[in-house]
Amino acid sequence: MNCVAYYYAWPCCRFFVVSRKNRKKAMTIYEHLCAAGGTKTLIDLVESAGLESPFSLDVMKKIAYQVCDYLDL
C-alpha cells in the first residue's frame, strides 16, 4: 500500500518542481494529466505527460533538494 501512495504522490511533487521554474509548462502538464486521466494506467499517464520515473534515485534527490530550498532548510 505504501508504494501505491508514494507513486500517487510523486506527480504532485514533480508538478511542484516544474511550477516553480515554468508555470506555463506546469499548466500544460496539468491539463494533459486531467484530460488523459482515467484513460491510462498511472505509469502510462505520468510518462505521457513527460514526467520522469519516480523510481529513479536521481529524480527523488532533485525533488528533495528543491523542496528543501523552497522551505529554506
C-alpha atoms as a PDB file:
ATOM      1  CA  MET A   1       0.000   0.000   0.000  1.00  0.00           C
ATOM      2  CA  ASN A   2       2.790   2.458   0.818  1.00  0.00           C
ATOM      3  CA  CYS A   3       4.316   2.005  -2.618  1.00  0.00           C
ATOM      4  CA  VAL A   4       0.979   2.876  -4.243  1.00  0.00           C
ATOM      5  CA  ALA A   5       0.535   6.003  -2.095  1.00  0.00           C
ATOM      6  CA  TYR A   6       4.091   7.061  -2.889  1.00  0.00           C
ATOM      7  CA  TYR A   7       3.521   6.663  -6.605  1.00  0.00           C
ATOM      8  CA  TYR A   8       0.346   8.742  -6.477  1.00  0.00           C
ATOM      9  CA  ALA A   9       2.087  11.499  -4.515  1.00  0.00           C
ATOM     10  CA  TRP A  10       5.066  11.664  -6.825  1.00  0.00           C
ATOM     11  CA  PRO A  11       3.409  13.519  -9.756  1.00  0.00           C
ATOM     12  CA  CYS A  12       2.363  16.210  -7.279  1.00  0.00           C
ATOM     13  CA  CYS A  13       5.961  16.673  -6.133  1.00  0.00           C
ATOM     14  CA  ARG A  14       7.230  16.747  -9.692  1.00  0.00           C
ATOM     15  CA  PHE A  15       4.494  19.174 -10.658  1.00  0.00           C
ATOM     16  CA  PHE A  16       5.573  21.440  -7.776  1.00  0.00           C
ATOM     17  CA  VAL A  17       9.166  21.489  -9.046  1.00  0.00           C
ATOM     18  CA  VAL A  18       8.119  22.283 -12.621  1.00  0.00           C
ATOM     19  CA  SER A  19       5.705  25.003 -11.470  1.00  0.00           C
ATOM     20  CA  ARG A  20       8.495  26.837  -9.632  1.00  0.00           C
ATOM     21  CA  LYS A  21      10.537  27.065 -12.820  1.00  0.00           C
ATOM     22  CA  ASN A  22       7.922  27.423 -15.551  1.00  0.00           C
ATOM     23  CA  ARG A  23       4.256  27.980 -14.692  1.00  0.00           C
ATOM     24  CA  LYS A  24       3.119  27.745 -18.302  1.00  0.00           C
ATOM     25  CA  LYS A  25       4.766  24.330 -18.726  1.00  0.00           C
ATOM     26  CA  ALA A  26       3.297  23.205 -15.410  1.00  0.00           C
ATOM     27  CA  MET A  27      -0.202  24.163 -16.575  1.00  0.00           C
ATOM     28  CA  THR A  28       0.303  22.293 -19.834  1.00  0.00           C
ATOM     29  CA  ILE A  29       1.308  19.173 -17.889  1.00  0.00           C
ATOM     30  CA  TYR A  30      -1.641  19.614 -15.513  1.00  0.00           C
ATOM     31  CA  GLU A  31      -4.095  19.973 -18.390  1.00  0.00           C
ATOM     32  CA  HIS A  32      -2.664  16.865 -20.048  1.00  0.00           C
ATOM     33  CA  LEU A  33      -2.954  14.851 -16.827  1.00  0.00           C
ATOM     34  CA  CYS A  34      -6.560  15.977 -16.339  1.00  0.00           C
ATOM     35  CA  ALA A  35      -7.561  15.270 -19.943  1.00  0.00           C
ATOM     36  CA  ALA A  36      -5.942  11.835 -20.054  1.00  0.00           C
ATOM     37  CA  GLY A  37      -6.946  10.805 -16.525  1.00  0.00           C
ATOM     38  CA  GLY A  38      -8.908   7.574 -16.418  1.00  0.00           C
ATOM     39  CA  THR A  39      -7.769   6.507 -19.884  1.00  0.00           C
ATOM     40  CA  LYS A  40      -4.361   5.077 -18.936  1.00  0.00           C
ATOM     41  CA  THR A  41      -2.616   3.423 -16.054  1.00  0.00           C
ATOM     42  CA  LEU A  42      -0.880   5.833 -13.698  1.00  0.00           C
ATOM     43  CA  ILE A  43       2.532   4.809 -15.035  1.00  0.00           C
ATOM     44  CA  ASP A  44       1.465   5.427 -18.644  1.00  0.00           C
ATOM     45  CA  LEU A  45      -0.209   8.693 -17.674  1.00  0.00           C
ATOM     46  CA  VAL A  46       2.912  10.034 -15.966  1.00  0.00           C
ATOM     47  CA  GLU A  47       5.108   9.007 -18.895  1.00  0.00           C
ATOM     48  CA  SER A  48       2.719  10.530 -21.447  1.00  0.00           C
ATOM     49  CA  ALA A  49       2.914  13.840 -19.560  1.00  0.00           C
ATOM     50  CA  GLY A  50       6.687  13.822 -19.974  1.00  0.00           C
ATOM     51  CA  LEU A  51       7.417  13.344 -16.288  1.00  0.00           C
ATOM     52  CA  GLU A  52      10.395  11.302 -15.129  1.00  0.00           C
ATOM     53  CA  SER A  53      10.071   7.972 -13.348  1.00  0.00           C
ATOM     54  CA  PRO A  54       9.716   8.375  -9.588  1.00  0.00           C
ATOM     55  CA  PHE A  55      11.741   5.216  -9.087  1.00  0.00           C
ATOM     56  CA  SER A  56      14.957   6.926 -10.159  1.00  0.00           C
ATOM     57  CA  LEU A  57      17.103   7.931  -7.194  1.00  0.00           C
ATOM     58  CA  ASP A  58      18.393  10.976  -9.060  1.00  0.00           C
ATOM     59  CA  VAL A  59      14.845  12.249  -9.606  1.00  0.00           C
ATOM     60  CA  MET A  60      13.989  11.929  -5.927  1.00  0.00           C
ATOM     61  CA  LYS A  61      17.207  13.730  -4.961  1.00  0.00           C
ATOM     62  CA  LYS A  62      16.406  16.619  -7.316  1.00  0.00           C
ATOM     63  CA  ILE A  63      12.914  16.947  -5.891  1.00  0.00           C
ATOM     64  CA  ALA A  64      14.111  16.722  -2.285  1.00  0.00           C
ATOM     65  CA  TYR A  65      16.740  19.435  -2.810  1.00  0.00           C
ATOM     66  CA  GLN A  66      14.260  21.764  -4.474  1.00  0.00           C
ATOM     67  CA  VAL A  67      11.653  21.273  -1.748  1.00  0.00           C
ATOM     68  CA  CYS A  68      14.305  21.913   0.927  1.00  0.00           C
ATOM     69  CA  ASP A  69      15.333  25.071  -0.922  1.00  0.00           C
ATOM     70  CA  TYR A  70      11.712  26.223  -1.052  1.00  0.00           C
ATOM     71  CA  LEU A  71      11.326  25.594   2.700  1.00  0.00           C
ATOM     72  CA  ASP A  72      14.689  27.266   3.469  1.00  0.00           C
ATOM     73  CA  LEU A  73      16.053  24.111   5.084  1.00  0.00           C
END
